[in-house]
Amino acid sequence: MITQRYHLYIERTDRKKNIARFYALSIEPNLFGEASLTRRWGRIGTAGQILVHHFEREKDAVVLFLELLRQKRGRGYGTVLRNKRVNG
């Protein structure tokens, strides 16, 4: 059983290098009540690719969620607020 849902959308852009990428993560319950971590990524403006991980425990999904977030932040991805990218 999921105690709360997690959603994150981050972007990495660099006009000089023609980089415009997005990465989205979410943790939601599946039909069996287990945790599903959905990863979506690609070029901004496209549907991108999707990968879904299934976990018996929410804790395991959260651990992967936080590890992926740490990796992406290290590669220059930042949150987006009202069409403006925020690093931090």
Protein backbone atom coordinates (compact mmCIF):
# COMPACT_ATOMS: atom_id res chain seq x y z
CA MET A 1 0.00 0.00 0.00
CA ILE A 2 1.31 3.43 -0.96
CA THR A 3 1.21 6.05 1.81
CA GLN A 4 1.72 8.97 -0.56
CA ARG A 5 2.35 9.61 -4.24
CA TYR A 6 5.58 11.08 -5.53
CA HIS A 7 5.87 13.19 -8.69
CA LEU A 8 8.90 15.02 -10.08
CA TYR A 9 9.60 16.77 -13.39
CA ILE A 10 13.07 18.18 -14.13
CA GLU A 11 14.77 19.57 -17.22
CA ARG A 12 18.24 20.13 -18.58
CA THR A 13 18.67 22.80 -21.23
CA ASP A 14 21.67 24.38 -22.92
CA ARG A 15 21.00 26.41 -26.06
CA LYS A 16 24.66 26.51 -27.08
CA LYS A 17 24.84 22.70 -27.11
CA ASN A 18 21.26 22.23 -28.40
CA ILE A 19 20.31 20.30 -25.25
CA ALA A 20 16.64 20.27 -24.27
CA ARG A 21 15.88 17.20 -22.16
CA PHE A 22 13.28 16.29 -19.58
CA TYR A 23 13.10 13.59 -16.93
CA ALA A 24 9.97 12.69 -14.97
CA LEU A 25 9.58 10.32 -12.02
CA SER A 26 6.48 9.18 -10.19
CA ILE A 27 5.58 6.53 -7.62
CA GLU A 28 2.01 5.30 -7.67
CA PRO A 29 0.18 2.12 -6.67
CA ASN A 30 -0.42 -0.55 -9.29
CA LEU A 31 -3.52 -2.76 -9.51
CA PHE A 32 -2.11 -5.08 -6.85
CA GLY A 33 -1.42 -2.30 -4.33
CA GLU A 34 2.33 -2.48 -4.86
CA ALA A 35 4.54 0.52 -5.63
CA SER A 36 5.34 1.30 -9.26
CA LEU A 37 8.10 3.77 -10.09
CA THR A 38 7.57 5.23 -13.56
CA ARG A 39 10.48 6.93 -15.32
CA ARG A 40 9.85 9.08 -18.40
CA TRP A 41 12.58 10.89 -20.32
CA GLY A 42 13.40 12.41 -23.68
CA ARG A 43 13.72 15.62 -25.64
CA ILE A 44 11.41 18.41 -24.49
CA GLY A 45 8.34 18.48 -26.73
CA THR A 46 8.35 14.74 -27.45
CA ALA A 47 6.57 11.84 -25.75
CA GLY A 48 9.93 10.36 -24.77
CA GLN A 49 10.52 6.88 -23.44
CA ILE A 50 8.93 5.13 -20.46
CA LEU A 51 10.26 2.53 -18.05
CA VAL A 52 8.27 1.14 -15.12
CA HIS A 53 9.79 -0.59 -12.07
CA HIS A 54 7.57 -2.63 -9.72
CA PHE A 55 8.30 -3.01 -5.99
CA GLU A 56 6.63 -4.92 -3.20
CA ARG A 57 7.56 -2.18 -0.71
CA GLU A 58 7.14 1.57 -1.13
CA LYS A 59 10.46 2.11 0.67
CA ASP A 60 12.38 0.37 -2.13
CA ALA A 61 10.70 2.55 -4.76
CA VAL A 62 11.55 5.69 -2.79
CA VAL A 63 15.21 4.64 -2.49
CA LEU A 64 15.47 4.30 -6.30
CA PHE A 65 13.50 7.56 -6.80
CA LEU A 66 15.98 9.48 -4.63
CA GLU A 67 19.02 7.83 -6.22
CA LEU A 68 17.82 8.71 -9.74
CA LEU A 69 17.10 12.26 -8.61
CA ARG A 70 20.61 12.57 -7.16
CA GLN A 71 22.14 11.31 -10.43
CA LYS A 72 20.10 13.68 -12.59
CA ARG A 73 20.81 16.71 -10.38
CA GLY A 74 24.51 15.86 -10.70
CA ARG A 75 24.15 15.98 -14.48
CA GLY A 76 22.64 19.46 -14.47
CA TYR A 77 18.90 18.79 -14.36
CA GLY A 78 16.79 21.29 -12.41
CA THR A 79 13.16 21.83 -11.45
CA VAL A 80 10.91 23.98 -13.61
CA LEU A 81 8.60 26.67 -12.22
CA ARG A 82 6.32 28.60 -14.59
CA ASN A 83 8.48 27.94 -17.63
CA LYS A 84 11.69 28.94 -15.82
CA ARG A 85 14.35 26.46 -14.85
CA VAL A 86 15.58 26.59 -11.25
CA ASN A 87 18.91 25.05 -10.21
CA GLY A 88 19.55 24.06 -6.67
